[in-house]
């Protein structure tokens, strides 16, 4: 299992990349490739492909299928055509295209299916046949006295491979004098013959309506297939039984693989991402990662159609976040928020209690844009309800996690820091996976480290409260990763060390002035370029009396 902090960091970077990726013809392919590059080795994800919904079915659009081209000195027999071979005999045209080559109970391969070494036709009626309803579409060719043969399997159609070298044919699995079709359960064989003196002949299997001769994947899957209905209903489905045949399984000889299929869609189109999970995959990691990607891709596909709604969402978000900091005797509080888009995923809020006591929350939703803004709405609203009802801090946070986890169209997770302050400088806090806030004391810095996991990743989380104390003159700094991950033209990060240095140099200034200095330096560090992620800083100073 991956180290959680590294996993979440890599996933957050991937989701941010999805938000920046240009939509267009290669958008989905680029996302699929980045997903494999980022998590392929660690999560055992491989052999990604994409299907597009077309006329009620799903057709393979990536990898692109390359049609065989004629090569010098050879002839190519496409599905349903003759496949001739130099030598003493040739395959007859009968039995091709499935019209006279049906395999059904006691049916037979076309009457001129095989040719012996002297050019005499050999009938194969009634022998070597399967009980399925599949059909043979094209056959391998023969050069010499041998014959092409295949192997029977239940439930799938299987390629028959033959190699001709003047002496005969080497069958794929076993040997026979008959051309044997296989296809129990309604599968089909769609093959081609290729010859060049000593060329090859093959017929590839297809667990769907049409097999693929170049990729090892089904080219087309019927929209009525029960597996399709299952995937569309669940949005993400893992076919984890290696003994059950499925049209999503690659036609390979891998020792083990389990297809994982997720649905992404635009306003008018559906796509399927399919991956092979190799031995060692972990369900929780796979489901969490792929669901996060699915939601982010869906957002990008829909976002261009709802730009006007984004503007409305920005106004709603601005109305949710505090317009001004709290005014609390003995304390100075300031916050500055810079979203990367119209709406963002950073959040903060203030809560006024009795007798000059107060509370704050500070968080960062994965990604940015509309999904992250929806998460901000849920969190801000949920926490305000909990505070107004005087619920205990930990109970409120656990209930909030349940709400976030059940959300259907929002970012996948959020880091959150919540604290309650007393007049005497005591603060009680819980940190759900957020970068550690820092208390700057006269000669030291205290980190308020995480006391639990991020919110929204699991239905139930373990989080506990902790305690800290601020003396008069102490300063508490909270920040989101958009600040420390600001990049220069040389792709170097601004880092928390730079922030700490700036705070130490200007600790005697007001909270708002310190924040302005940090933003100014970070902006210059990035060459004045557009901010790639939401950036927020909050500073709370306990004033000297």
Protein backbone atom coordinates (compact mmCIF):
# COMPACT_ATOMS: atom_id res chain seq x y z
CA UNK A 1 0.00 0.00 0.00
CA UNK A 2 1.26 3.48 -0.84
CA UNK A 3 2.36 5.91 1.86
CA UNK A 4 -0.80 8.05 2.28
CA UNK A 5 0.86 11.47 2.14
CA UNK A 6 2.66 10.64 -1.11
CA UNK A 7 -0.50 9.10 -2.56
CA UNK A 8 -2.63 12.18 -1.83
CA UNK A 9 0.08 14.55 -3.09
CA UNK A 10 0.39 12.70 -6.39
CA UNK A 11 -3.37 12.45 -6.79
CA UNK A 12 -3.88 16.13 -6.04
CA UNK A 13 -1.24 17.01 -8.65
CA UNK A 14 -2.99 14.75 -11.18
CA UNK A 15 -6.37 16.33 -10.50
CA UNK A 16 -4.89 19.80 -10.81
CA UNK A 17 -3.40 18.72 -14.14
CA UNK A 18 -6.81 17.59 -15.34
CA UNK A 19 -8.09 21.06 -14.52
CA UNK A 20 -5.37 22.64 -16.65
CA UNK A 21 -5.38 20.19 -19.57
CA UNK A 22 -6.78 21.65 -22.78
CA UNK A 23 -9.98 19.99 -23.89
CA UNK A 24 -9.98 18.74 -27.45
CA UNK A 25 -9.46 15.66 -29.55
CA UNK A 26 -6.67 14.23 -27.38
CA UNK A 27 -7.97 15.35 -23.98
CA UNK A 28 -9.15 11.94 -22.77
CA UNK A 29 -6.10 10.13 -24.17
CA UNK A 30 -3.75 12.56 -22.40
CA UNK A 31 -5.56 12.06 -19.10
CA UNK A 32 -5.45 8.27 -19.45
CA UNK A 33 -1.70 8.36 -20.20
CA UNK A 34 -0.99 10.71 -17.26
CA UNK A 35 -2.96 8.43 -14.94
CA UNK A 36 -0.89 5.43 -15.99
CA UNK A 37 2.37 7.40 -15.78
CA UNK A 38 1.54 8.63 -12.26
CA UNK A 39 0.07 5.49 -10.69
CA UNK A 40 0.73 2.63 -13.12
CA UNK A 41 3.57 1.06 -11.15
CA UNK A 42 2.32 1.84 -7.63
CA UNK A 43 -1.34 0.86 -8.16
CA UNK A 44 -0.66 -1.95 -10.69
CA UNK A 45 -2.62 -0.16 -13.45
CA UNK A 46 -1.77 -0.96 -17.07
CA UNK A 47 -3.06 -1.38 -20.65
CA UNK A 48 -5.44 1.59 -20.55
CA UNK A 49 -7.93 2.06 -23.38
CA UNK A 50 -10.97 4.18 -24.16
CA UNK A 51 -14.35 3.25 -25.64
CA UNK A 52 -16.82 5.77 -27.05
CA UNK A 53 -20.57 5.32 -27.10
CA UNK A 54 -21.65 5.06 -30.75
CA UNK A 55 -25.16 4.08 -31.93
CA UNK A 56 -25.97 2.17 -28.77
CA UNK A 57 -22.65 0.31 -28.64
CA UNK A 58 -19.18 1.15 -27.37
CA UNK A 59 -16.33 1.25 -29.87
CA UNK A 60 -12.60 1.29 -29.14
CA UNK A 61 -11.07 4.69 -29.96
CA UNK A 62 -7.76 4.29 -28.13
CA UNK A 63 -5.37 2.64 -28.80
CA UNK A 64 -5.97 3.45 -32.48
CA UNK A 65 -6.46 0.32 -34.58
CA UNK A 66 -4.02 0.10 -37.43
CA UNK A 67 -5.18 -1.85 -40.45
CA UNK A 68 -2.65 -4.32 -41.93
CA UNK A 69 -0.90 -3.06 -45.04
CA UNK A 70 0.55 -5.07 -47.84
CA UNK A 71 4.23 -5.85 -47.48
CA UNK A 72 6.68 -6.73 -50.24
CA UNK A 73 6.61 -10.42 -51.16
CA UNK A 74 3.42 -11.22 -49.23
CA UNK A 75 -0.33 -11.22 -49.69
CA UNK A 76 -2.82 -10.38 -46.97
CA UNK A 77 -6.19 -12.08 -46.61
CA UNK A 78 -8.67 -9.88 -44.80
CA UNK A 79 -11.71 -11.14 -42.89
CA UNK A 80 -13.99 -12.92 -45.31
CA UNK A 81 -11.51 -12.97 -48.23
CA UNK A 82 -9.18 -15.58 -49.64
CA UNK A 83 -5.78 -15.99 -48.05
CA UNK A 84 -3.47 -17.51 -50.60
CA UNK A 85 -0.08 -18.97 -49.88
CA UNK A 86 2.76 -19.78 -52.21
CA UNK A 87 3.34 -23.53 -52.35
CA UNK A 88 1.43 -26.55 -53.55
CA UNK A 89 -2.09 -25.67 -52.43
CA UNK A 90 -4.39 -22.78 -51.50
CA UNK A 91 -7.32 -22.17 -49.24
CA UNK A 92 -10.64 -22.15 -51.07
CA UNK A 93 -12.93 -19.15 -50.94
CA UNK A 94 -15.75 -21.27 -49.56
CA UNK A 95 -16.12 -21.11 -45.78
CA UNK A 96 -15.08 -17.47 -45.54
CA UNK A 97 -17.14 -14.46 -44.38
CA UNK A 98 -19.09 -16.69 -42.01
CA UNK A 99 -21.74 -17.39 -44.70
CA UNK A 100 -20.70 -20.96 -45.40
CA UNK A 101 -18.42 -21.53 -42.46
CA UNK A 102 -20.87 -21.65 -39.55
CA UNK A 103 -19.96 -23.72 -36.55
CA UNK A 104 -23.21 -24.80 -34.96
CA UNK A 105 -23.72 -28.19 -33.40
CA UNK A 106 -22.98 -30.54 -36.27
CA UNK A 107 -22.40 -27.89 -38.89
CA UNK A 108 -19.27 -27.90 -40.97
CA UNK A 109 -16.56 -25.68 -42.29
CA UNK A 110 -16.98 -24.85 -45.99
CA UNK A 111 -16.53 -27.76 -48.33
CA UNK A 112 -13.26 -26.48 -49.67
CA UNK A 113 -11.78 -25.42 -46.32
CA UNK A 114 -8.51 -27.39 -46.44
CA UNK A 115 -6.19 -28.33 -49.21
CA UNK A 116 -3.74 -31.17 -48.96
CA UNK A 117 -0.24 -31.12 -50.35
CA UNK A 118 -1.42 -32.19 -53.81
CA UNK A 119 -4.13 -29.56 -54.12
CA UNK A 120 -7.02 -31.95 -53.33
CA UNK A 121 -9.89 -30.59 -51.25
CA UNK A 122 -10.49 -32.30 -47.91
CA UNK A 123 -13.92 -31.96 -46.29
CA UNK A 124 -14.11 -31.35 -42.59
CA UNK A 125 -17.83 -31.86 -42.17
CA UNK A 126 -18.99 -32.90 -38.74
CA UNK A 127 -15.66 -33.11 -36.99
CA UNK A 128 -13.64 -30.84 -34.72
CA UNK A 129 -16.61 -28.53 -34.18
CA UNK A 130 -17.88 -26.74 -31.09
CA UNK A 131 -21.34 -26.42 -29.57
CA UNK A 132 -21.43 -22.60 -29.71
CA UNK A 133 -22.99 -20.30 -32.21
CA UNK A 134 -19.83 -18.50 -33.27
CA UNK A 135 -18.61 -18.45 -36.83
CA UNK A 136 -15.32 -18.69 -38.65
CA UNK A 137 -14.62 -15.56 -40.68
CA UNK A 138 -11.52 -16.16 -42.75
CA UNK A 139 -8.93 -18.85 -42.23
CA UNK A 140 -5.21 -19.19 -42.06
CA UNK A 141 -3.55 -20.35 -45.21
CA UNK A 142 -1.61 -23.50 -45.84
CA UNK A 143 1.64 -24.18 -47.63
CA UNK A 144 2.55 -27.83 -47.89
CA UNK A 145 0.81 -30.82 -46.45
CA UNK A 146 -0.15 -29.57 -43.02
CA UNK A 147 -3.27 -27.74 -41.80
CA UNK A 148 -4.23 -24.90 -39.52
CA UNK A 149 -5.86 -25.89 -36.27
CA UNK A 150 -7.07 -24.32 -33.07
CA UNK A 151 -8.22 -25.24 -29.59
CA UNK A 152 -11.68 -25.43 -28.02
CA UNK A 153 -12.46 -23.20 -25.02
CA UNK A 154 -15.74 -22.66 -23.20
CA UNK A 155 -17.21 -19.16 -23.40
CA UNK A 156 -14.65 -17.44 -25.62
CA UNK A 157 -13.57 -17.70 -29.19
CA UNK A 158 -9.89 -18.38 -29.61
CA UNK A 159 -7.37 -17.46 -32.25
CA UNK A 160 -6.04 -20.25 -34.42
CA UNK A 161 -2.47 -19.59 -35.30
CA UNK A 162 -0.53 -21.42 -37.99
CA UNK A 163 2.91 -20.98 -39.39
CA UNK A 164 3.72 -22.32 -42.86
CA UNK A 165 7.24 -23.21 -43.77
CA UNK A 166 6.77 -25.59 -46.70
CA UNK A 167 6.52 -28.68 -44.49
CA UNK A 168 3.25 -28.12 -42.69
CA UNK A 169 1.55 -26.11 -39.96
CA UNK A 170 2.25 -25.67 -36.26
CA UNK A 171 -1.07 -25.31 -34.41
CA UNK A 172 -1.57 -22.90 -31.55
CA UNK A 173 -2.57 -25.53 -28.97
CA UNK A 174 -2.50 -29.11 -30.02
CA UNK A 175 -2.88 -30.44 -33.55
CA UNK A 176 -5.55 -31.90 -35.80
CA UNK A 177 -6.26 -32.56 -39.46
CA UNK A 178 -9.28 -30.34 -39.26
CA UNK A 179 -9.76 -26.60 -39.24
CA UNK A 180 -11.50 -26.22 -35.87
CA UNK A 181 -13.71 -23.27 -35.03
CA UNK A 182 -14.33 -22.38 -31.41
CA UNK A 183 -16.92 -20.00 -30.00
CA UNK A 184 -19.17 -21.37 -27.29
CA UNK A 185 -21.53 -18.75 -25.92
CA UNK A 186 -22.04 -16.76 -29.10
CA UNK A 187 -18.51 -15.43 -29.53
CA UNK A 188 -16.98 -15.00 -32.93
CA UNK A 189 -13.71 -15.52 -34.70
CA UNK A 190 -12.57 -12.78 -37.01
CA UNK A 191 -9.26 -13.57 -38.60
CA UNK A 192 -6.97 -13.02 -41.48
CA UNK A 193 -4.39 -14.99 -43.40
CA UNK A 194 -0.98 -13.62 -44.21
CA UNK A 195 1.57 -15.40 -46.35
CA UNK A 196 5.01 -14.83 -47.68
CA UNK A 197 6.48 -18.17 -48.64
CA UNK A 198 6.87 -19.04 -45.00
CA UNK A 199 4.28 -16.60 -43.60
CA UNK A 200 1.61 -17.00 -40.95
CA UNK A 201 -2.14 -17.44 -40.77
CA UNK A 202 -4.28 -16.45 -37.80
CA UNK A 203 -7.78 -15.87 -36.57
CA UNK A 204 -8.20 -13.60 -33.54
CA UNK A 205 -10.85 -14.07 -30.94
CA UNK A 206 -13.45 -11.44 -30.03
CA UNK A 207 -15.52 -11.63 -26.86
CA UNK A 208 -17.87 -9.07 -28.36
CA UNK A 209 -19.39 -8.35 -31.72
CA UNK A 210 -16.03 -7.74 -33.32
CA UNK A 211 -12.51 -8.85 -32.42
CA UNK A 212 -9.34 -6.85 -32.89
CA UNK A 213 -6.36 -8.10 -34.81
CA UNK A 214 -3.85 -5.52 -33.63
CA UNK A 215 -4.41 -4.50 -29.99
CA UNK A 216 -5.63 -7.56 -28.13
CA UNK A 217 -8.79 -5.66 -27.11
CA UNK A 218 -12.40 -5.99 -28.24
CA UNK A 219 -13.10 -3.38 -30.92
CA UNK A 220 -16.82 -3.12 -30.24
CA UNK A 221 -18.95 -4.04 -27.22
CA UNK A 222 -22.71 -4.23 -27.46
CA UNK A 223 -24.58 -1.66 -25.41
CA UNK A 224 -26.97 -4.46 -24.41
CA UNK A 225 -24.21 -6.54 -22.82
CA UNK A 226 -24.92 -7.14 -19.11
CA UNK A 227 -21.40 -5.95 -18.27
CA UNK A 228 -22.12 -2.57 -19.90
CA UNK A 229 -25.33 -2.16 -17.92
CA UNK A 230 -23.45 -3.00 -14.72
CA UNK A 231 -20.72 -0.44 -15.44
CA UNK A 232 -23.17 2.33 -16.40
CA UNK A 233 -25.12 1.77 -13.21
CA UNK A 234 -22.13 1.75 -10.84
CA UNK A 235 -19.94 4.36 -12.67
CA UNK A 236 -16.87 2.34 -11.59
CA UNK A 237 -16.75 -1.43 -11.62
CA UNK A 238 -13.91 -3.91 -11.09
CA UNK A 239 -14.34 -7.36 -12.65
CA UNK A 240 -12.22 -9.08 -10.02
CA UNK A 241 -13.10 -12.73 -10.71
CA UNK A 242 -10.33 -14.05 -13.00
CA UNK A 243 -12.45 -17.06 -13.99
CA UNK A 244 -15.38 -15.07 -15.35
CA UNK A 245 -15.25 -14.07 -19.01
CA UNK A 246 -15.87 -10.40 -19.78
CA UNK A 247 -15.59 -8.37 -23.00
CA UNK A 248 -13.37 -5.92 -21.10
CA UNK A 249 -10.60 -8.42 -20.48
CA UNK A 250 -7.60 -8.08 -22.77
CA UNK A 251 -6.79 -11.05 -25.01
CA UNK A 252 -3.44 -11.76 -23.46
CA UNK A 253 -1.72 -14.61 -21.73
CA UNK A 254 -1.08 -12.62 -18.57
CA UNK A 255 -0.99 -14.73 -15.43
CA UNK A 256 -3.61 -12.52 -13.78
CA UNK A 257 -5.48 -9.32 -14.57
CA UNK A 258 -8.76 -7.74 -13.48
CA UNK A 259 -10.44 -5.15 -15.72
CA UNK A 260 -11.47 -1.89 -14.01
CA UNK A 261 -13.99 0.19 -15.96
CA UNK A 262 -15.10 3.75 -15.18
CA UNK A 263 -17.63 5.96 -16.94
CA UNK A 264 -16.91 9.55 -17.93
CA UNK A 265 -19.35 11.67 -19.85
CA UNK A 266 -19.92 15.06 -21.42
CA UNK A 267 -23.39 16.58 -21.82
CA UNK A 268 -23.99 14.54 -24.98
CA UNK A 269 -21.54 11.65 -24.96
CA UNK A 270 -20.35 8.71 -22.84
CA UNK A 271 -16.89 7.19 -22.67
CA UNK A 272 -15.43 4.19 -20.87
CA UNK A 273 -11.91 4.12 -19.43
CA UNK A 274 -10.69 0.54 -19.07
CA UNK A 275 -7.55 -0.57 -17.23
CA UNK A 276 -6.02 -3.93 -16.44
CA UNK A 277 -5.24 -4.33 -12.72
CA UNK A 278 -2.29 -6.62 -12.33
CA UNK A 279 -1.45 -8.79 -9.34
CA UNK A 280 -1.00 -6.79 -6.11
CA UNK A 281 -3.68 -4.11 -6.59
CA UNK A 282 -5.54 -2.73 -3.55
CA UNK A 283 -9.27 -2.05 -3.92
CA UNK A 284 -9.43 1.00 -1.63
CA UNK A 285 -6.59 2.74 -3.49
CA UNK A 286 -7.98 1.90 -6.93
CA UNK A 287 -11.55 3.01 -6.15
CA UNK A 288 -10.43 6.21 -4.45
CA UNK A 289 -8.04 7.17 -7.26
CA UNK A 290 -10.28 6.28 -10.21
CA UNK A 291 -13.38 7.87 -8.70
CA UNK A 292 -11.45 11.10 -8.10
CA UNK A 293 -10.25 11.08 -11.71
CA UNK A 294 -13.74 10.28 -12.99
CA UNK A 295 -15.26 13.24 -11.16
CA UNK A 296 -12.56 15.64 -12.29
CA UNK A 297 -12.79 14.57 -15.93
CA UNK A 298 -16.57 14.85 -15.83
CA UNK A 299 -16.22 18.38 -14.53
CA UNK A 300 -13.90 19.36 -17.37
CA UNK A 301 -16.20 17.87 -19.98
CA UNK A 302 -19.16 19.76 -18.57
CA UNK A 303 -17.42 23.01 -17.63
CA UNK A 304 -17.35 24.57 -21.07
CA UNK A 305 -21.11 24.18 -21.30
CA UNK A 306 -21.71 25.83 -17.95
CA UNK A 307 -19.33 28.80 -17.93
CA UNK A 308 -22.17 31.14 -17.06
CA UNK A 309 -22.99 28.94 -14.09
CA UNK A 310 -19.38 29.24 -12.94
CA UNK A 311 -19.80 32.97 -12.68
CA UNK A 312 -22.89 32.46 -10.60
CA UNK A 313 -21.03 29.94 -8.42
CA UNK A 314 -18.28 32.51 -7.85
CA UNK A 315 -20.81 34.99 -6.51
CA UNK A 316 -22.31 32.31 -4.26
CA UNK A 317 -18.88 31.35 -2.93
CA UNK A 318 -17.97 34.96 -2.23
CA UNK A 319 -21.16 35.29 -0.23
CA UNK A 320 -20.26 32.21 1.84
CA UNK A 321 -16.75 33.28 2.85
CA UNK A 322 -16.42 36.04 5.49
CA UNK A 323 -16.31 39.56 4.10
CA UNK A 324 -14.15 40.80 7.00
CA UNK A 325 -12.15 39.20 9.83
CA UNK A 326 -13.41 38.96 13.40
CA UNK A 327 -12.70 41.81 15.77
CA UNK A 328 -11.70 40.14 19.05
CA UNK A 329 -10.16 42.03 21.95
CA UNK A 330 -6.57 40.92 22.50
CA UNK A 331 -6.28 39.28 19.07
CA UNK A 332 -5.49 40.39 15.51
CA UNK A 333 -6.83 38.25 12.66
CA UNK A 334 -6.30 38.65 8.92
CA UNK A 335 -6.86 36.44 5.87
CA UNK A 336 -6.21 36.77 2.15
CA UNK A 337 -7.57 34.40 -0.50
CA UNK A 338 -6.54 34.20 -4.18
CA UNK A 339 -8.47 31.58 -6.26
CA UNK A 340 -6.79 30.20 -9.40
CA UNK A 341 -10.12 30.27 -11.29
CA UNK A 342 -13.45 32.03 -10.94
CA UNK A 343 -14.22 29.73 -8.06
CA UNK A 344 -11.77 27.84 -5.90
CA UNK A 345 -11.25 25.12 -3.34
CA UNK A 346 -9.65 26.95 -0.42
CA UNK A 347 -11.90 27.90 2.47
CA UNK A 348 -11.82 29.71 5.78
CA UNK A 349 -14.38 30.89 8.30
CA UNK A 350 -14.66 32.53 11.74
CA UNK A 351 -16.98 31.73 14.66
CA UNK A 352 -17.76 34.12 17.53
CA UNK A 353 -18.39 32.48 20.89
CA UNK A 354 -19.12 34.00 24.30
CA UNK A 355 -16.72 36.14 26.37
CA UNK A 356 -14.36 37.04 23.52
CA UNK A 357 -13.71 33.40 22.65
CA UNK A 358 -13.76 32.42 19.01
CA UNK A 359 -13.07 29.68 16.50
CA UNK A 360 -11.71 29.36 12.98
CA UNK A 361 -11.62 26.78 10.21
CA UNK A 362 -9.17 26.61 7.33
CA UNK A 363 -9.16 24.05 4.51
CA UNK A 364 -8.14 23.08 1.01
CA UNK A 365 -10.28 20.91 -1.30
CA UNK A 366 -8.50 18.75 -3.87
CA UNK A 367 -8.21 20.41 -7.27
CA UNK A 368 -9.90 23.73 -7.89
CA UNK A 369 -12.76 25.13 -9.93
CA UNK A 370 -16.40 24.10 -9.60
CA UNK A 371 -16.01 20.66 -7.91
CA UNK A 372 -13.78 22.19 -5.24
CA UNK A 373 -16.21 25.12 -4.82
CA UNK A 374 -19.06 22.69 -4.24
CA UNK A 375 -17.00 21.07 -1.50
CA UNK A 376 -16.37 24.49 0.07
CA UNK A 377 -20.10 25.12 0.13
CA UNK A 378 -20.78 21.80 1.88
CA UNK A 379 -18.04 22.26 4.48
CA UNK A 380 -18.77 25.89 5.35
CA UNK A 381 -22.49 25.21 5.66
CA UNK A 382 -22.00 22.03 7.68
CA UNK A 383 -19.58 23.57 10.16
CA UNK A 384 -21.77 26.62 10.71
CA UNK A 385 -24.72 24.37 11.52
CA UNK A 386 -22.62 22.37 13.98
CA UNK A 387 -21.32 25.48 15.73
CA UNK A 388 -24.78 27.04 15.97
CA UNK A 389 -26.13 23.86 17.58
CA UNK A 390 -23.20 23.86 20.07
CA UNK A 391 -22.07 20.41 18.96
CA UNK A 392 -18.75 19.07 20.20
CA UNK A 393 -15.84 19.70 17.82
CA UNK A 394 -14.94 16.06 17.10
CA UNK A 395 -18.57 14.96 16.74
CA UNK A 396 -19.21 17.80 14.27
CA UNK A 397 -16.15 16.89 12.19
CA UNK A 398 -17.07 13.21 12.02
CA UNK A 399 -20.60 14.05 10.86
CA UNK A 400 -19.16 16.45 8.32
CA UNK A 401 -16.93 13.69 6.92
CA UNK A 402 -19.98 11.49 6.38
CA UNK A 403 -21.70 14.25 4.38
CA UNK A 404 -18.61 14.86 2.23
CA UNK A 405 -18.07 11.16 1.57
CA UNK A 406 -21.63 10.73 0.33
CA UNK A 407 -21.38 13.72 -2.01
CA UNK A 408 -21.89 12.63 -5.64
CA UNK A 409 -20.57 15.58 -7.66
CA UNK A 410 -17.83 17.29 -5.75
CA UNK A 411 -14.09 17.10 -5.25
CA UNK A 412 -12.99 13.88 -3.66
CA UNK A 413 -11.38 15.02 -0.43
CA UNK A 414 -10.48 18.07 1.65
CA UNK A 415 -7.88 18.86 4.27
CA UNK A 416 -9.30 20.83 7.20
CA UNK A 417 -8.02 22.55 10.32
CA UNK A 418 -10.50 23.60 13.02
CA UNK A 419 -9.61 25.41 16.25
CA UNK A 420 -11.32 27.06 19.23
CA UNK A 421 -9.48 29.86 21.08
CA UNK A 422 -9.81 30.95 24.71
CA UNK A 423 -8.98 34.36 26.20
CA UNK A 424 -5.92 33.01 28.01
CA UNK A 425 -4.27 31.85 24.76
CA UNK A 426 -5.27 28.21 24.94
CA UNK A 427 -6.48 26.66 21.70
CA UNK A 428 -8.09 23.29 21.12
CA UNK A 429 -7.80 21.99 17.59
CA UNK A 430 -8.22 19.09 15.19
CA UNK A 431 -6.19 18.80 12.00
CA UNK A 432 -7.56 16.55 9.27
CA UNK A 433 -4.59 16.15 6.94
CA UNK A 434 -3.87 19.86 6.42
CA UNK A 435 -0.28 21.24 6.21
CA UNK A 436 0.74 21.91 9.80
CA UNK A 437 -0.13 25.43 10.97
CA UNK A 438 2.85 27.10 12.67
CA UNK A 439 2.98 29.01 15.97
CA UNK A 440 5.88 31.49 15.85
CA UNK A 441 7.20 31.97 19.37
CA UNK A 442 10.07 34.18 20.41
CA UNK A 443 12.78 31.54 19.92
CA UNK A 444 11.00 28.59 18.36
CA UNK A 445 8.26 27.37 16.04
CA UNK A 446 5.57 24.89 17.09
CA UNK A 447 3.92 22.72 14.43
CA UNK A 448 0.23 21.80 14.89
CA UNK A 449 0.51 18.45 13.16
CA UNK A 450 -2.31 16.34 11.75
CA UNK A 451 -4.53 14.56 14.27
CA UNK A 452 -6.48 12.60 11.64
CA UNK A 453 -6.93 11.83 7.96
CA UNK A 454 -8.30 14.13 5.29
CA UNK A 455 -12.09 14.40 5.02
CA UNK A 456 -14.14 12.59 2.39
CA UNK A 457 -11.72 9.75 1.63
CA UNK A 458 -13.49 7.14 3.80
CA UNK A 459 -16.99 6.81 5.29
CA UNK A 460 -15.64 6.84 8.83
CA UNK A 461 -12.44 8.55 9.95
CA UNK A 462 -10.41 8.57 13.13
CA UNK A 463 -9.69 12.11 14.27
CA UNK A 464 -8.86 13.44 17.71
CA UNK A 465 -8.47 16.81 19.37
CA UNK A 466 -5.23 18.35 20.56
CA UNK A 467 -4.05 21.35 22.58
CA UNK A 468 -1.63 24.27 22.13
CA UNK A 469 -0.97 27.59 23.83
CA UNK A 470 -0.13 31.03 22.44
CA UNK A 471 1.71 33.53 24.62
CA UNK A 472 1.29 37.26 24.13
CA UNK A 473 3.22 38.24 21.02
CA UNK A 474 2.94 34.76 19.44
CA UNK A 475 1.76 34.44 15.85
CA UNK A 476 -0.19 31.57 14.25
CA UNK A 477 0.28 31.04 10.48
CA UNK A 478 -2.10 28.94 8.36
CA UNK A 479 -1.55 28.47 4.62
CA UNK A 480 -2.71 26.38 1.66
CA UNK A 481 -0.33 24.54 -0.64
CA UNK A 482 -0.93 27.03 -3.46
CA UNK A 483 1.51 29.35 -1.67
CA UNK A 484 4.39 26.94 -1.12
CA UNK A 485 3.96 25.24 -4.51
CA UNK A 486 4.18 28.49 -6.47
CA UNK A 487 6.78 27.82 -9.20
CA UNK A 488 9.45 29.95 -10.80
CA UNK A 489 10.32 29.96 -14.50
CA UNK A 490 12.92 27.30 -13.64
CA UNK A 491 10.13 25.17 -12.08
CA UNK A 492 11.47 25.58 -8.55
CA UNK A 493 9.01 25.82 -5.64
CA UNK A 494 8.57 28.80 -3.32
CA UNK A 495 8.60 26.36 -0.31
CA UNK A 496 7.56 26.80 3.30
CA UNK A 497 11.15 27.80 4.19
CA UNK A 498 10.71 31.03 2.24
CA UNK A 499 7.42 31.73 4.03
CA UNK A 500 8.97 31.11 7.45
CA UNK A 501 11.86 33.42 6.59
CA UNK A 502 9.50 36.23 5.59
CA UNK A 503 7.37 35.86 8.73
CA UNK A 504 10.46 35.94 10.98
CA UNK A 505 11.78 39.05 9.25
CA UNK A 506 8.48 40.93 9.60
CA UNK A 507 6.92 39.36 12.71
CA UNK A 508 6.52 42.75 14.43
CA UNK A 509 4.29 44.09 11.62
CA UNK A 510 0.53 43.75 11.54
CA UNK A 511 -1.09 40.52 10.37
CA UNK A 512 -2.40 42.01 7.11
CA UNK A 513 0.98 43.56 6.30
CA UNK A 514 2.80 40.25 6.75
CA UNK A 515 0.30 38.49 4.47
CA UNK A 516 0.71 41.14 1.77
CA UNK A 517 4.49 40.74 1.89
CA UNK A 518 4.27 36.96 1.49
CA UNK A 519 1.92 37.22 -1.50
CA UNK A 520 4.07 39.92 -3.10
CA UNK A 521 7.24 37.82 -2.80
CA UNK A 522 5.52 34.66 -4.02
CA UNK A 523 4.10 36.50 -7.01
CA UNK A 524 7.53 37.87 -7.93
CA UNK A 525 9.04 34.41 -7.47
CA UNK A 526 6.59 33.10 -10.09
CA UNK A 527 7.49 35.89 -12.50
CA UNK A 528 4.05 37.45 -12.23
CA UNK A 529 2.53 34.46 -14.05
CA UNK A 530 -1.01 33.24 -13.42
CA UNK A 531 -1.41 31.32 -10.18
CA UNK A 532 -1.89 27.62 -10.93
CA UNK A 533 -3.56 26.74 -7.64
CA UNK A 534 -5.72 28.48 -5.05
CA UNK A 535 -3.62 30.31 -2.45
CA UNK A 536 -4.74 31.40 1.02
CA UNK A 537 -2.98 32.69 4.13
CA UNK A 538 -4.46 33.38 7.58
CA UNK A 539 -2.48 34.96 10.40
CA UNK A 540 -3.70 35.20 14.01
CA UNK A 541 -1.62 37.25 16.46
CA UNK A 542 -2.09 37.35 20.22
CA UNK A 543 -1.48 40.95 21.07
CA UNK A 544 0.71 42.10 23.91
CA UNK A 545 -1.22 43.73 26.71
